Amino acid sequence: MYMKRIILFMTFLPLILECQNSYNLNLLGTYDWNSTEGNDIWGWVDPADESEYALVGLVNGFSCVNVTNPSNPVEEFFISDLSSTWRDVKTWGNYAYVTTEANAGLLIVDLNDMTGNTYWNIFQFNNPTTGQSTSFTASHNLYIDENGICYIFGASSNNGSNPADGAIFLDVAANPTNPHYLGAWNDEYIHDGMVRGDTLYAGCIYTGNLYVIDVSDKNNPVTIGTHPTPNAFTHNAWVSDDGNYVFTTDETSDAYIGAYDISDVTNIQEVDRIQSNPGSNSIPHNTHVDGNFIVTSWYRDGTTVHDVSNPHNMVQVAYYDSYSGSGDGFDGCWGTYPFLPSGNIISSDINSNNNNNARLLVYERNFSGACFLEGNVTDGNTGANLVGASIEILNTFIPNSSSTTLNGNYSCGNADAGLFDVKYSMPGYISDTLSVNLINGQTVIQDAQLFTDPSIPILGCMDSLASNYNPNANISVEFGGEADNTFSTGGYFNGNQHLIFDAYNEFVIKSAVFYADDNNTVTFELRNSMGTVLDDTTYTLSQGQQQLELNFNVPIGIDFQLGISSGGSGLYRNNDGAVYPYNIGSIMNITGSSATSAPDYYYFYYNIEIEVPCVGIITQSYDCDGQGNCFDPGNGNGIYSSLNDCQINCIVESYDCDGQGNCFDPGNGSGLYLSLNDCQNNCILESYDCDGQGNCFDPGNGNGIYSSLNDCQNNCHLTGTYDLQNNKKVRFITDLLGQKTIYRSNNILIYQYEDGTVEKKVIIK
């Protein structure tokens, strides 16, 4: 799982950065057009003499510029065409292929003729083998793979035909000036894409998804994987050299470059995302993989280079900001091309020259592999991983920042090697700064511990019996955001905007204050970063101020949206004076709003109440262990509800024998035997035998003739001369029926002796 990673420009560097518009990219030369704006760019090398050319799309046509001498670019020719904001270029062999959203078809230019007089505009494409065909007059973009297959993206027509607006497959290798039609994929509109082998990586801009498509069978292409991109406006995609990762751009304000693990296309995973200039609201356009680097064009931010040798930790190593303005808007750099044999990078700008028209820029590389910094941040008291802690490498030319993920890990880096200070911070904790020696091309591991600041409110469960107990918490409920709408100017608003916040722990948004212009029914929503509704509630509002119960359950994460379901709410919002971030209880951090062009606007939710309910509380109960000790089984199912009850009743087991062969617990712990087993083994019924000499004894097995000592003594005496003379011992006595009995007078008894003899006696008394 990733956490938000961005390159953060520090507040103390504005003067330095204002005059330093580049780092590790050296401008070698430029070429300006004076009457047109620019669009996309591609490169071409003449195989005859290895001259390098920039092929540049312009609003009013197509230009070929020789950049072999980068300090003195020369336009070789220009082909005028229908006016269009969009014109994209690719090559196959010695031919350039140009698409446009003007209805000019596919422009094919023979680059063998540097006069620019040999070209064709093709509208109809046939397959001479199958008889299939297609026709289009306009298209948004194209790509040509290593097999000479041209992929036309976003096609349309004004002649009544209905071309696929996904991808049209044309074989330019078979006939470069009259490509053969092979088939199409038309599940979704494709804005841009690239192909390697038999796999198409497509930016489906209107679905906000990366699509991975198997195009091995041009008559039956099959989607094999999809994944949403960070800002849900997927513009382009480019695959890594090893084929295991894809990098995307979203063509919208304040968007990201995204990195994805596609080793299993059925389970694509986002592994990182990064911005060139967070907070500026600039728009990324096209990114290209060049070995261990990606080179990207950013409107109003210029050309950037990131080290992606570790796609889980992208690090910016170079940039050249060619446009004088900043922020949201479609100005500045349109495209870039990093594949010339010289190593030079060429970029095309829409309107960056002195008269606000098109410009070509040629850059020299001065960058190397990044220095990587990774580690883990924990609570110094509890050892728990900290989620959302900030890590910032200080005093760097391209300042870098990172946040810890759900497991407390972070990753960031720097363009330059050396000894740097790294600041670790998190709301509710005392910041710490550690030194680290960074090395180009290597990953340094540095862990950190942060300790809570007792002076700062920390929201959390304070019940030690709860499963979510937080020993650092000192409050259970907190209010935050703007307290009311009086802090600045504003008014009632019918648009659909929202607040954006991060959650460092699970909590509940209990309530908030709202101001309504009139009676109206409004649905309030909690959404994730992709806009999916996680929780909502609907109220019929009355005019004026009201506090509403929300009870939104918030999980741990970033870029949540707190807003409304649709426009027309008539809720109050402030249009000035908001100072982000608003931290509430050290677990909710409101970082901004969806109005990226108006960073000081504040929307709808005032005096936000949040709490962390204690969960998983188990009732105390106790059992006795049989040894006189009480314990809590931990499941609430103990016999005793209190420790006192248990201690009163928990007496160590002991047992006595009742003399009848039965064992019993006297209930006071003083029994002769400590276990029932010991008692049962020793508790044998008393019985007695006479030894024939007038003596009584207990044989110890319960089988004596007499049941009491008294009976034995009354009957155990010499009974005749025979007994006395022979001194024989009686074994047992039976009656005439053979049943054992005891001595009785006036009865006939049979005596059996131990020597085996038997004697019949009549005892008369």
Foldseek 3Di string as FASTA:
>chain_A
DFAAWEQEDDPVCPVVCLVVQKDQKFFQDKDFDDPWFWFEWEKDADPVPRWIWIWTGTQFWIWIWTCSPVHDIGTLETDGDHGAPAKEWDDDDQWIWIFGQPQQAIKIFRNVDSHRPDIDHDFKAAAPPPGDIFGFRHARYWEAEPQQKIWTAQTHHDPPTGDANHTWIWRCVVPVRHTHTQADDRPAGFQEWYDYDQWIFTFRFQQQKTWIWGCPRRHDIGTDAMDHFLASGWHYKEAAPVRQKIWTFHFFWQTWIWIWGCPPRHDIDTQHIYDQYGLQRKGWHDWYHDHQWIWTQIAQSAIWIWGCVPVNEIATQIGRRQASDIHDDRFFWNYKYQDRPVRKIKTKTGQRDPNGHIMIIIIDGRFAAWWKEKEFEAAPVPRAGFFFKKKWWPDAPRTTMWTAHPRRMIMYTHRDFAKTKMWIGAPQWDIDIDIDTTDGPDYDYDYYHTYGDLVGAAAFDCDPLFPGHDVSHDDFKWWKDAADDPQADWFFFFFWKWWWKFFRAKKWFFKFKWAAQAFDKWKKFKAQSNRHTPAIDIDGDHHGMDMDTGGRTDHGGGGITTTTDGGPGRIMKHQADADDFMDINRGMTGGAMPPSVRGGIGDTGHGTMMGYDGHDRAQFAWEAPLQLDIDTPSHNPHPGNDPVVCNVQRAHFAWEAPLQLDIDTPRHNPHPGRDPVVRNVQREHFAWAAFLDLDIDTPRHNPHQGNDPVLSNVARHNDDPVCVVVVWGFPFKDAPVRHTHHDDAQGWIWTATPVGDIDIDHHHD
